[in-house]
Amino acid sequence: MSFLDQAKRFPWRHEAVLLLLVVLLLVVASSLQPGFLKLRSQLLLSRHLWEFAILALGMTLVIITGGIDLSIGSNMGLSAVAFGICYSTTGDPLVSSLVALATGTAGGATNGLLISKVNVHPLIVTLATYAAFRGIAEGVSQGASYSQFGEAFSRLARGQWLGVPLPGYIFVCLAIGFAIFLWKTPTGRFLYAIGHNEQAARFSGIAVDRIKLSLYTMSGTLAGLASVIYVSRFDTAKADAGQGFELDVITAVVVGGTSIFGGRGNIVGTVLGLVLIHETRQFVGRYWRMDELRSIVIGFLLIASVLVYRMVRKRDRD
């Protein structure tokens, strides 16, 4: 068997390409800006990563089924406002965190019910709740922000263990759990079946509606968790928390090789997509100091990832 034939049979070729791109980026970055790859520098830069990295895990599972959740950023803002209001009443960050998680979960469950029970397309539902959640957050808070939650609570996002930020450990635990779920459980395999052909999955006895409801509820819970980390990091809870996160999250997931049409994707690819986008954004921002160039480069990466996926699919069919 030739090397080309072996490459065609290699099931992780998209992830291999991503890994190669990450390595090339780091080599270029280290040559142009030697201090960029220092451990201390990387740990400091990682503080910008964890909220949308956590959101990307849930989005991966949602997109594998052929769905999408455009409301996660707005749900995160609503959860942050819920945290601020609860804290201003109780003064207890733990209770406020639980309220934020409950708010995010309720928002995700609302999406799930409309998608699975009312049978409305996920794009329409989450586009509507994208506007609704943000509007509710702004209306309830009246544009005000909440702050001064105490030094102990700020350690959740700013604290470190062995030099690694605490949210990094949360992300790693979640990523491992999600990867095991996808690879080792029947329900995880059902997600791919739903993404490939939802109608056939229903005929096969898969509880499609229950799985969809669970996925969107889980996505909302992660939005609530991300809001708690966000509030802890900035010591501020306001309605614009998470604004624009949905685009970054979807970009990372798609660059990571998850098909926007469903049926393909994994956590390893998403993690590599997150690393590639994060390192690219931080390096371009620090070296050229042009926000517009960062957006252009990220857009190019997204288009390139789609083209690579199409080439892989074409080879598979051939």
C-alpha atoms as a PDB file:
ATOM      1  CA  MET A   1       0.000   0.000   0.000  1.00  0.00           C
ATOM      2  CA  SER A   2       1.409   3.404  -1.013  1.00  0.00           C
ATOM      3  CA  PHE A   3       1.913   6.291   1.394  1.00  0.00           C
ATOM      4  CA  LEU A   4      -0.931   8.183  -0.316  1.00  0.00           C
ATOM      5  CA  ASP A   5      -3.297   5.255   0.195  1.00  0.00           C
ATOM      6  CA  GLN A   6      -2.300   5.067   3.832  1.00  0.00           C
ATOM      7  CA  ALA A   7      -2.905   8.798   4.210  1.00  0.00           C
ATOM      8  CA  LYS A   8      -6.361   8.415   2.718  1.00  0.00           C
ATOM      9  CA  ARG A   9      -7.177   5.722   5.239  1.00  0.00           C
ATOM     10  CA  PHE A  10      -5.846   7.736   8.159  1.00  0.00           C
ATOM     11  CA  PRO A  11      -8.969   8.784  10.100  1.00  0.00           C
ATOM     12  CA  TRP A  12      -7.435  11.840  11.796  1.00  0.00           C
ATOM     13  CA  ARG A  13      -5.852  13.566   8.784  1.00  0.00           C
ATOM     14  CA  HIS A  14      -7.666  16.859   9.436  1.00  0.00           C
ATOM     15  CA  GLU A  15      -6.377  16.892  13.008  1.00  0.00           C
ATOM     16  CA  ALA A  16      -2.879  16.090  11.688  1.00  0.00           C
ATOM     17  CA  VAL A  17      -3.063  19.111   9.378  1.00  0.00           C
ATOM     18  CA  LEU A  18      -4.192  21.296  12.289  1.00  0.00           C
ATOM     19  CA  LEU A  19      -1.339  20.065  14.456  1.00  0.00           C
ATOM     20  CA  LEU A  20       1.105  20.841  11.650  1.00  0.00           C
ATOM     21  CA  LEU A  21      -0.334  24.351  11.314  1.00  0.00           C
ATOM     22  CA  VAL A  22      -0.019  24.920  15.065  1.00  0.00           C
ATOM     23  CA  VAL A  23       3.616  23.798  15.020  1.00  0.00           C
ATOM     24  CA  LEU A  24       4.403  26.013  12.005  1.00  0.00           C
ATOM     25  CA  LEU A  25       2.712  28.978  13.663  1.00  0.00           C
ATOM     26  CA  LEU A  26       4.700  28.503  16.855  1.00  0.00           C
ATOM     27  CA  VAL A  27       7.959  28.174  14.915  1.00  0.00           C
ATOM     28  CA  VAL A  28       7.263  31.407  13.024  1.00  0.00           C
ATOM     29  CA  ALA A  29       6.131  33.177  16.195  1.00  0.00           C
ATOM     30  CA  SER A  30       9.247  32.129  18.116  1.00  0.00           C
ATOM     31  CA  SER A  31      11.514  33.386  15.350  1.00  0.00           C
ATOM     32  CA  LEU A  32       9.770  36.747  14.954  1.00  0.00           C
ATOM     33  CA  GLN A  33       9.026  37.312  18.628  1.00  0.00           C
ATOM     34  CA  PRO A  34      11.267  35.147  20.839  1.00  0.00           C
ATOM     35  CA  GLY A  35       9.449  35.926  24.078  1.00  0.00           C
ATOM     36  CA  PHE A  36       6.095  34.792  22.720  1.00  0.00           C
ATOM     37  CA  LEU A  37       6.605  31.096  23.495  1.00  0.00           C
ATOM     38  CA  LYS A  38       7.925  31.537  27.009  1.00  0.00           C
ATOM     39  CA  LEU A  39       5.827  29.592  29.499  1.00  0.00           C
ATOM     40  CA  ARG A  40       5.018  32.640  31.596  1.00  0.00           C
ATOM     41  CA  SER A  41       3.909  34.570  28.506  1.00  0.00           C
ATOM     42  CA  GLN A  42       1.705  31.708  27.313  1.00  0.00           C
ATOM     43  CA  LEU A  43       0.072  31.310  30.732  1.00  0.00           C
ATOM     44  CA  LEU A  44      -0.698  35.019  30.847  1.00  0.00           C
ATOM     45  CA  LEU A  45      -2.177  34.937  27.328  1.00  0.00           C
ATOM     46  CA  SER A  46      -4.306  31.890  28.177  1.00  0.00           C
ATOM     47  CA  ARG A  47      -6.521  33.956  30.478  1.00  0.00           C
ATOM     48  CA  HIS A  48      -8.337  35.141  27.336  1.00  0.00           C
ATOM     49  CA  LEU A  49      -9.078  31.583  26.236  1.00  0.00           C
ATOM     50  CA  TRP A  50     -10.995  29.646  28.848  1.00  0.00           C
ATOM     51  CA  GLU A  51     -14.529  31.040  28.589  1.00  0.00           C
ATOM     52  CA  PHE A  52     -14.962  30.502  24.882  1.00  0.00           C
ATOM     53  CA  ALA A  53     -12.965  27.240  25.059  1.00  0.00           C
ATOM     54  CA  ILE A  54     -15.531  25.830  27.495  1.00  0.00           C
ATOM     55  CA  LEU A  55     -18.358  26.986  25.241  1.00  0.00           C
ATOM     56  CA  ALA A  56     -16.693  25.298  22.245  1.00  0.00           C
ATOM     57  CA  LEU A  57     -16.943  21.872  23.872  1.00  0.00           C
ATOM     58  CA  GLY A  58     -20.727  22.042  24.031  1.00  0.00           C
ATOM     59  CA  MET A  59     -20.941  23.584  20.569  1.00  0.00           C
ATOM     60  CA  THR A  60     -18.972  20.642  19.153  1.00  0.00           C
ATOM     61  CA  LEU A  61     -21.605  18.169  20.302  1.00  0.00           C
ATOM     62  CA  VAL A  62     -24.446  20.377  19.093  1.00  0.00           C
ATOM     63  CA  ILE A  63     -22.946  20.814  15.608  1.00  0.00           C
ATOM     64  CA  ILE A  64     -22.159  17.089  15.311  1.00  0.00           C
ATOM     65  CA  THR A  65     -25.935  16.498  15.417  1.00  0.00           C
ATOM     66  CA  GLY A  66     -26.438  19.036  12.626  1.00  0.00           C
ATOM     67  CA  GLY A  67     -27.603  21.793  14.987  1.00  0.00           C
ATOM     68  CA  ILE A  68     -26.202  25.130  16.063  1.00  0.00           C
ATOM     69  CA  ASP A  69     -26.491  27.422  19.079  1.00  0.00           C
ATOM     70  CA  LEU A  70     -26.163  31.113  18.249  1.00  0.00           C
ATOM     71  CA  SER A  71     -27.452  32.146  21.663  1.00  0.00           C
ATOM     72  CA  ILE A  72     -24.550  31.047  23.870  1.00  0.00           C
ATOM     73  CA  GLY A  73     -22.992  34.528  24.075  1.00  0.00           C
ATOM     74  CA  SER A  74     -26.310  36.150  24.944  1.00  0.00           C
ATOM     75  CA  ASN A  75     -27.103  33.367  27.408  1.00  0.00           C
ATOM     76  CA  MET A  76     -23.743  34.042  29.013  1.00  0.00           C
ATOM     77  CA  GLY A  77     -24.630  37.737  29.362  1.00  0.00           C
ATOM     78  CA  LEU A  78     -28.001  36.904  30.893  1.00  0.00           C
ATOM     79  CA  SER A  79     -26.351  34.484  33.330  1.00  0.00           C
ATOM     80  CA  ALA A  80     -23.796  37.139  34.310  1.00  0.00           C
ATOM     81  CA  VAL A  81     -26.586  39.622  35.074  1.00  0.00           C
ATOM     82  CA  ALA A  82     -28.371  36.948  37.115  1.00  0.00           C
ATOM     83  CA  PHE A  83     -25.158  36.470  39.087  1.00  0.00           C
ATOM     84  CA  GLY A  84     -24.846  40.218  39.727  1.00  0.00           C
ATOM     85  CA  ILE A  85     -28.448  40.647  40.833  1.00  0.00           C
ATOM     86  CA  CYS A  86     -28.277  37.635  43.145  1.00  0.00           C
ATOM     87  CA  TYR A  87     -24.994  38.799  44.675  1.00  0.00           C
ATOM     88  CA  SER A  88     -26.368  42.289  45.291  1.00  0.00           C
ATOM     89  CA  THR A  89     -29.200  40.639  47.227  1.00  0.00           C
ATOM     90  CA  THR A  90     -27.453  37.799  49.063  1.00  0.00           C
ATOM     91  CA  GLY A  91     -23.783  38.783  49.095  1.00  0.00           C
ATOM     92  CA  ASP A  92     -22.959  35.095  48.604  1.00  0.00           C
ATOM     93  CA  PRO A  93     -20.830  34.246  45.528  1.00  0.00           C
ATOM     94  CA  LEU A  94     -21.586  30.524  45.775  1.00  0.00           C
ATOM     95  CA  VAL A  95     -25.352  31.029  45.694  1.00  0.00           C
ATOM     96  CA  SER A  96     -24.912  33.592  42.917  1.00  0.00           C
ATOM     97  CA  SER A  97     -22.832  31.119  40.910  1.00  0.00           C
ATOM     98  CA  LEU A  98     -25.544  28.484  41.253  1.00  0.00           C
ATOM     99  CA  VAL A  99     -28.144  31.027  40.095  1.00  0.00           C
ATOM    100  CA  ALA A 100     -25.969  31.847  37.056  1.00  0.00           C
ATOM    101  CA  LEU A 101     -25.656  28.149  36.233  1.00  0.00           C
ATOM    102  CA  ALA A 102     -29.417  27.685  36.641  1.00  0.00           C
ATOM    103  CA  THR A 103     -30.100  30.683  34.400  1.00  0.00           C
ATOM    104  CA  GLY A 104     -27.829  29.362  31.662  1.00  0.00           C
ATOM    105  CA  THR A 105     -29.380  25.899  31.975  1.00  0.00           C
ATOM    106  CA  ALA A 106     -32.898  27.338  31.708  1.00  0.00           C
ATOM    107  CA  GLY A 107     -31.913  29.293  28.604  1.00  0.00           C
ATOM    108  CA  GLY A 108     -30.435  26.186  26.998  1.00  0.00           C
ATOM    109  CA  ALA A 109     -33.488  24.111  27.933  1.00  0.00           C
ATOM    110  CA  THR A 110     -35.710  26.743  26.301  1.00  0.00           C
ATOM    111  CA  ASN A 111     -33.772  26.302  23.073  1.00  0.00           C
ATOM    112  CA  GLY A 112     -33.935  22.534  23.387  1.00  0.00           C
ATOM    113  CA  LEU A 113     -37.686  22.461  23.961  1.00  0.00           C
ATOM    114  CA  LEU A 114     -38.417  24.704  20.991  1.00  0.00           C
ATOM    115  CA  ILE A 115     -36.123  22.663  18.745  1.00  0.00           C
ATOM    116  CA  SER A 116     -37.075  19.158  19.860  1.00  0.00           C
ATOM    117  CA  LYS A 117     -40.735  19.529  20.826  1.00  0.00           C
ATOM    118  CA  VAL A 118     -41.999  22.386  18.648  1.00  0.00           C
ATOM    119  CA  ASN A 119     -39.747  21.218  15.786  1.00  0.00           C
ATOM    120  CA  VAL A 120     -38.377  24.647  14.866  1.00  0.00           C
ATOM    121  CA  HIS A 121     -35.016  24.759  13.086  1.00  0.00           C
ATOM    122  CA  PRO A 122     -32.088  25.389  15.485  1.00  0.00           C
ATOM    123  CA  LEU A 123     -30.877  28.349  13.426  1.00  0.00           C
ATOM    124  CA  ILE A 124     -34.227  30.129  13.788  1.00  0.00           C
ATOM    125  CA  VAL A 125     -34.667  29.284  17.469  1.00  0.00           C
ATOM    126  CA  THR A 126     -31.199  30.282  18.605  1.00  0.00           C
ATOM    127  CA  LEU A 127     -31.185  33.391  16.422  1.00  0.00           C
ATOM    128  CA  ALA A 128     -34.374  34.459  18.195  1.00  0.00           C
ATOM    129  CA  THR A 129     -33.031  33.676  21.665  1.00  0.00           C
ATOM    130  CA  TYR A 130     -29.737  35.337  20.720  1.00  0.00           C
ATOM    131  CA  ALA A 131     -31.659  38.607  20.603  1.00  0.00           C
ATOM    132  CA  ALA A 132     -34.120  37.747  23.386  1.00  0.00           C
ATOM    133  CA  PHE A 133     -31.564  36.741  26.033  1.00  0.00           C
ATOM    134  CA  ARG A 134     -29.452  39.833  25.426  1.00  0.00           C
ATOM    135  CA  GLY A 135     -32.537  42.036  25.481  1.00  0.00           C
ATOM    136  CA  ILE A 136     -33.730  40.520  28.760  1.00  0.00           C
ATOM    137  CA  ALA A 137     -30.279  40.977  30.289  1.00  0.00           C
ATOM    138  CA  GLU A 138     -30.141  44.635  29.261  1.00  0.00           C
ATOM    139  CA  GLY A 139     -33.721  45.253  30.356  1.00  0.00           C
ATOM    140  CA  VAL A 140     -33.346  43.653  33.766  1.00  0.00           C
ATOM    141  CA  SER A 141     -30.039  45.350  34.504  1.00  0.00           C
ATOM    142  CA  GLN A 142     -31.037  48.658  32.889  1.00  0.00           C
ATOM    143  CA  GLY A 143     -27.529  48.832  31.477  1.00  0.00           C
ATOM    144  CA  ALA A 144     -25.970  48.807  34.946  1.00  0.00           C
ATOM    145  CA  SER A 145     -22.998  46.661  35.912  1.00  0.00           C
ATOM    146  CA  TYR A 146     -22.344  44.836  39.173  1.00  0.00           C
ATOM    147  CA  SER A 147     -18.901  44.569  40.711  1.00  0.00           C
ATOM    148  CA  GLN A 148     -16.824  44.064  43.862  1.00  0.00           C
ATOM    149  CA  PHE A 149     -17.558  40.402  44.476  1.00  0.00           C
ATOM    150  CA  GLY A 150     -14.677  39.830  46.844  1.00  0.00           C
ATOM    151  CA  GLU A 151     -11.123  38.593  46.613  1.00  0.00           C
ATOM    152  CA  ALA A 152     -12.037  34.986  47.349  1.00  0.00           C
ATOM    153  CA  PHE A 153     -14.356  34.765  44.352  1.00  0.00           C
ATOM    154  CA  SER A 154     -11.806  36.371  42.030  1.00  0.00           C
ATOM    155  CA  ARG A 155      -9.418  33.480  42.704  1.00  0.00           C
ATOM    156  CA  LEU A 156     -11.661  31.208  40.622  1.00  0.00           C
ATOM    157  CA  ALA A 157     -10.421  32.844  37.416  1.00  0.00           C
ATOM    158  CA  ARG A 158      -7.216  34.510  38.591  1.00  0.00           C
ATOM    159  CA  GLY A 159      -5.907  31.787  40.867  1.00  0.00           C
ATOM    160  CA  GLN A 160      -3.265  29.306  39.754  1.00  0.00           C
ATOM    161  CA  TRP A 161      -2.068  25.860  40.670  1.00  0.00           C
ATOM    162  CA  LEU A 162       1.403  24.788  39.532  1.00  0.00           C
ATOM    163  CA  GLY A 163       1.430  27.932  37.429  1.00  0.00           C
ATOM    164  CA  VAL A 164      -1.679  26.987  35.419  1.00  0.00           C
ATOM    165  CA  PRO A 165      -4.861  29.097  35.777  1.00  0.00           C
ATOM    166  CA  LEU A 166      -7.668  27.269  37.580  1.00  0.00           C
ATOM    167  CA  PRO A 167     -10.116  27.612  34.620  1.00  0.00           C
ATOM    168  CA  GLY A 168      -7.583  25.621  32.600  1.00  0.00           C
ATOM    169  CA  TYR A 169      -8.114  22.629  34.878  1.00  0.00           C
ATOM    170  CA  ILE A 170     -11.871  22.990  34.546  1.00  0.00           C
ATOM    171  CA  PHE A 171     -11.539  22.991  30.765  1.00  0.00           C
ATOM    172  CA  VAL A 172      -9.217  19.957  30.699  1.00  0.00           C
ATOM    173  CA  CYS A 173     -11.567  17.926  32.911  1.00  0.00           C
ATOM    174  CA  LEU A 174     -14.541  18.853  30.738  1.00  0.00           C
ATOM    175  CA  ALA A 175     -12.660  18.121  27.510  1.00  0.00           C
ATOM    176  CA  ILE A 176     -11.624  14.669  28.729  1.00  0.00           C
ATOM    177  CA  GLY A 177     -15.164  13.925  29.875  1.00  0.00           C
ATOM    178  CA  PHE A 178     -16.678  15.037  26.568  1.00  0.00           C
ATOM    179  CA  ALA A 179     -14.106  13.062  24.570  1.00  0.00           C
ATOM    180  CA  ILE A 180     -14.843   9.892  26.536  1.00  0.00           C
ATOM    181  CA  PHE A 181     -18.562  10.503  26.081  1.00  0.00           C
ATOM    182  CA  LEU A 182     -18.199  10.758  22.293  1.00  0.00           C
ATOM    183  CA  TRP A 183     -15.812   7.852  21.836  1.00  0.00           C
ATOM    184  CA  LYS A 184     -16.895   5.343  24.461  1.00  0.00           C
ATOM    185  CA  THR A 185     -20.642   5.665  25.058  1.00  0.00           C
ATOM    186  CA  PRO A 186     -23.556   4.572  22.862  1.00  0.00           C
ATOM    187  CA  THR A 187     -25.230   7.968  23.263  1.00  0.00           C
ATOM    188  CA  GLY A 188     -22.063   9.646  22.019  1.00  0.00           C
ATOM    189  CA  ARG A 189     -22.156   7.511  18.879  1.00  0.00           C
ATOM    190  CA  PHE A 190     -25.841   8.345  18.471  1.00  0.00           C
ATOM    191  CA  LEU A 191     -24.888  12.008  17.974  1.00  0.00           C
ATOM    192  CA  TYR A 192     -23.068  11.092  14.773  1.00  0.00           C
ATOM    193  CA  ALA A 193     -26.021   9.025  13.593  1.00  0.00           C
ATOM    194  CA  ILE A 194     -28.348  11.991  14.138  1.00  0.00           C
ATOM    195  CA  GLY A 195     -25.980  14.268  12.254  1.00  0.00           C
ATOM    196  CA  HIS A 196     -25.677  11.884   9.317  1.00  0.00           C
ATOM    197  CA  ASN A 197     -29.398  11.233   8.937  1.00  0.00           C
ATOM    198  CA  GLU A 198     -31.841  12.288  11.623  1.00  0.00           C
ATOM    199  CA  GLN A 199     -34.807  10.487  10.098  1.00  0.00           C
ATOM    200  CA  ALA A 200     -32.903   7.205   9.849  1.00  0.00           C
ATOM    201  CA  ALA A 201     -31.774   7.670  13.466  1.00  0.00           C
ATOM    202  CA  ARG A 202     -35.422   7.988  14.533  1.00  0.00           C
ATOM    203  CA  PHE A 203     -36.349   4.817  12.652  1.00  0.00           C
ATOM    204  CA  SER A 204     -33.450   3.057  14.380  1.00  0.00           C
ATOM    205  CA  GLY A 205     -35.015   3.751  17.769  1.00  0.00           C
ATOM    206  CA  ILE A 206     -32.684   6.550  18.851  1.00  0.00           C
ATOM    207  CA  ALA A 207     -34.382   9.051  21.188  1.00  0.00           C
ATOM    208  CA  VAL A 208     -33.520  12.022  18.971  1.00  0.00           C
ATOM    209  CA  ASP A 209     -35.721  14.575  20.743  1.00  0.00           C
ATOM    210  CA  ARG A 210     -34.459  13.650  24.200  1.00  0.00           C
ATOM    211  CA  ILE A 211     -30.840  13.828  23.045  1.00  0.00           C
ATOM    212  CA  LYS A 212     -31.364  17.226  21.409  1.00  0.00           C
ATOM    213  CA  LEU A 213     -33.041  18.593  24.517  1.00  0.00           C
ATOM    214  CA  SER A 214     -30.158  17.348  26.644  1.00  0.00           C
ATOM    215  CA  LEU A 215     -27.518  18.821  24.320  1.00  0.00           C
ATOM    216  CA  TYR A 216     -28.986  22.326  24.191  1.00  0.00           C
ATOM    217  CA  THR A 217     -29.592  22.268  27.941  1.00  0.00           C
ATOM    218  CA  MET A 218     -25.954  21.264  28.449  1.00  0.00           C
ATOM    219  CA  SER A 219     -24.843  24.063  26.123  1.00  0.00           C
ATOM    220  CA  GLY A 220     -26.772  26.507  28.293  1.00  0.00           C
ATOM    221  CA  THR A 221     -25.190  25.123  31.452  1.00  0.00           C
ATOM    222  CA  LEU A 222     -21.745  25.693  29.957  1.00  0.00           C
ATOM    223  CA  ALA A 223     -22.782  29.259  29.105  1.00  0.00           C
ATOM    224  CA  GLY A 224     -23.674  29.732  32.775  1.00  0.00           C
ATOM    225  CA  LEU A 225     -20.306  28.282  33.834  1.00  0.00           C
ATOM    226  CA  ALA A 226     -18.458  30.527  31.376  1.00  0.00           C
ATOM    227  CA  SER A 227     -20.305  33.541  32.768  1.00  0.00           C
ATOM    228  CA  VAL A 228     -19.154  32.722  36.318  1.00  0.00           C
ATOM    229  CA  ILE A 229     -15.520  32.512  35.147  1.00  0.00           C
ATOM    230  CA  TYR A 230     -15.941  35.737  33.154  1.00  0.00           C
ATOM    231  CA  VAL A 231     -17.385  37.604  36.138  1.00  0.00           C
ATOM    232  CA  SER A 232     -14.613  36.273  38.371  1.00  0.00           C
ATOM    233  CA  ARG A 233     -11.912  37.357  35.918  1.00  0.00           C
ATOM    234  CA  PHE A 234     -13.185  40.903  35.346  1.00  0.00           C
ATOM    235  CA  ASP A 235     -14.901  41.348  38.731  1.00  0.00           C
ATOM    236  CA  THR A 236     -17.812  42.751  36.734  1.00  0.00           C
ATOM    237  CA  ALA A 237     -21.221  41.360  35.783  1.00  0.00           C
ATOM    238  CA  LYS A 238     -22.957  43.136  32.926  1.00  0.00           C
ATOM    239  CA  ALA A 239     -25.304  42.438  30.046  1.00  0.00           C
ATOM    240  CA  ASP A 240     -22.641  42.585  27.334  1.00  0.00           C
ATOM    241  CA  ALA A 241     -20.672  39.690  28.807  1.00  0.00           C
ATOM    242  CA  GLY A 242     -19.947  37.136  26.101  1.00  0.00           C
ATOM    243  CA  GLN A 243     -20.854  39.479  23.269  1.00  0.00           C
ATOM    244  CA  GLY A 244     -19.495  38.067  20.011  1.00  0.00           C
ATOM    245  CA  PHE A 245     -18.383  34.818  21.634  1.00  0.00           C
ATOM    246  CA  GLU A 246     -20.723  32.744  19.490  1.00  0.00           C
ATOM    247  CA  LEU A 247     -18.781  33.589  16.323  1.00  0.00           C
ATOM    248  CA  ASP A 248     -15.408  32.744  17.888  1.00  0.00           C
ATOM    249  CA  VAL A 249     -16.782  29.478  19.248  1.00  0.00           C
ATOM    250  CA  ILE A 250     -18.328  28.356  15.954  1.00  0.00           C
ATOM    251  CA  THR A 251     -15.146  29.310  14.101  1.00  0.00           C
ATOM    252  CA  ALA A 252     -12.981  27.240  16.465  1.00  0.00           C
ATOM    253  CA  VAL A 253     -15.276  24.216  16.173  1.00  0.00           C
ATOM    254  CA  VAL A 254     -15.453  24.356  12.371  1.00  0.00           C
ATOM    255  CA  VAL A 255     -11.711  24.971  12.013  1.00  0.00           C
ATOM    256  CA  GLY A 256     -11.295  21.941  14.281  1.00  0.00           C
ATOM    257  CA  GLY A 257     -12.917  19.756  11.648  1.00  0.00           C
ATOM    258  CA  THR A 258     -16.494  19.467  12.887  1.00  0.00           C
ATOM    259  CA  SER A 259     -18.771  19.501   9.871  1.00  0.00           C
ATOM    260  CA  ILE A 260     -21.326  22.300   9.958  1.00  0.00           C
ATOM    261  CA  PHE A 261     -23.701  19.838   8.273  1.00  0.00           C
ATOM    262  CA  GLY A 262     -23.344  17.349  11.122  1.00  0.00           C
ATOM    263  CA  GLY A 263     -22.101  13.786  11.421  1.00  0.00           C
ATOM    264  CA  ARG A 264     -18.401  14.534  11.839  1.00  0.00           C
ATOM    265  CA  GLY A 265     -16.192  16.028  14.535  1.00  0.00           C
ATOM    266  CA  ASN A 266     -14.339  15.297  17.749  1.00  0.00           C
ATOM    267  CA  ILE A 267     -12.975  17.027  20.832  1.00  0.00           C
ATOM    268  CA  VAL A 268      -9.328  16.671  19.781  1.00  0.00           C
ATOM    269  CA  GLY A 269     -10.026  18.651  16.614  1.00  0.00           C
ATOM    270  CA  THR A 270     -11.867  21.319  18.582  1.00  0.00           C
ATOM    271  CA  VAL A 271      -8.988  21.668  21.042  1.00  0.00           C
ATOM    272  CA  LEU A 272      -6.518  22.034  18.169  1.00  0.00           C
ATOM    273  CA  GLY A 273      -8.815  24.572  16.514  1.00  0.00           C
ATOM    274  CA  LEU A 274      -8.969  26.532  19.755  1.00  0.00           C
ATOM    275  CA  VAL A 275      -5.185  26.505  20.108  1.00  0.00           C
ATOM    276  CA  LEU A 276      -4.641  27.535  16.476  1.00  0.00           C
ATOM    277  CA  ILE A 277      -7.086  30.432  16.622  1.00  0.00           C
ATOM    278  CA  HIS A 278      -5.953  31.588  20.065  1.00  0.00           C
ATOM    279  CA  GLU A 279      -2.242  31.521  19.234  1.00  0.00           C
ATOM    280  CA  THR A 280      -2.842  33.178  15.859  1.00  0.00           C
ATOM    281  CA  ARG A 281      -4.930  35.933  17.394  1.00  0.00           C
ATOM    282  CA  GLN A 282      -2.477  36.625  20.203  1.00  0.00           C
ATOM    283  CA  PHE A 283       0.600  36.556  17.977  1.00  0.00           C
ATOM    284  CA  VAL A 284      -0.869  38.778  15.259  1.00  0.00           C
ATOM    285  CA  GLY A 285      -2.186  41.178  17.890  1.00  0.00           C
ATOM    286  CA  ARG A 286       1.151  41.440  19.671  1.00  0.00           C
ATOM    287  CA  TYR A 287       3.402  41.529  16.611  1.00  0.00           C
ATOM    288  CA  TRP A 288       1.471  43.755  14.210  1.00  0.00           C
ATOM    289  CA  ARG A 289      -0.945  45.344  16.715  1.00  0.00           C
ATOM    290  CA  MET A 290      -3.765  45.415  14.172  1.00  0.00           C
ATOM    291  CA  ASP A 291      -7.192  44.143  15.217  1.00  0.00           C
ATOM    292  CA  GLU A 292      -8.361  44.214  11.612  1.00  0.00           C
ATOM    293  CA  LEU A 293      -5.529  41.902  10.563  1.00  0.00           C
ATOM    294  CA  ARG A 294      -6.470  39.436  13.298  1.00  0.00           C
ATOM    295  CA  SER A 295     -10.011  39.242  11.911  1.00  0.00           C
ATOM    296  CA  ILE A 296      -8.701  38.740   8.373  1.00  0.00           C
ATOM    297  CA  VAL A 297      -6.377  35.928   9.443  1.00  0.00           C
ATOM    298  CA  ILE A 298      -9.105  34.152  11.440  1.00  0.00           C
ATOM    299  CA  GLY A 299     -11.451  34.439   8.446  1.00  0.00           C
ATOM    300  CA  PHE A 300      -8.774  32.928   6.220  1.00  0.00           C
ATOM    301  CA  LEU A 301      -8.300  30.028   8.649  1.00  0.00           C
ATOM    302  CA  LEU A 302     -12.039  29.331   8.618  1.00  0.00           C
ATOM    303  CA  ILE A 303     -12.210  29.286   4.813  1.00  0.00           C
ATOM    304  CA  ALA A 304      -9.075  27.126   4.604  1.00  0.00           C
ATOM    305  CA  SER A 305     -10.491  24.597   7.068  1.00  0.00           C
ATOM    306  CA  VAL A 306     -13.688  24.261   5.025  1.00  0.00           C
ATOM    307  CA  LEU A 307     -11.656  23.731   1.841  1.00  0.00           C
ATOM    308  CA  VAL A 308      -9.522  21.075   3.541  1.00  0.00           C
ATOM    309  CA  TYR A 309     -12.667  19.307   4.753  1.00  0.00           C
ATOM    310  CA  ARG A 310     -14.159  19.349   1.247  1.00  0.00           C
ATOM    311  CA  MET A 311     -10.951  17.906  -0.217  1.00  0.00           C
ATOM    312  CA  VAL A 312     -10.931  15.131   2.351  1.00  0.00           C
ATOM    313  CA  ARG A 313     -14.572  14.308   1.637  1.00  0.00           C
ATOM    314  CA  LYS A 314     -13.926  14.278  -2.113  1.00  0.00           C
ATOM    315  CA  ARG A 315     -11.034  11.873  -1.695  1.00  0.00           C
ATOM    316  CA  ASP A 316     -13.178   9.623   0.476  1.00  0.00           C
ATOM    317  CA  ARG A 317     -15.851   9.471  -2.206  1.00  0.00           C
ATOM    318  CA  ASP A 318     -13.244   8.762  -4.896  1.00  0.00           C
END
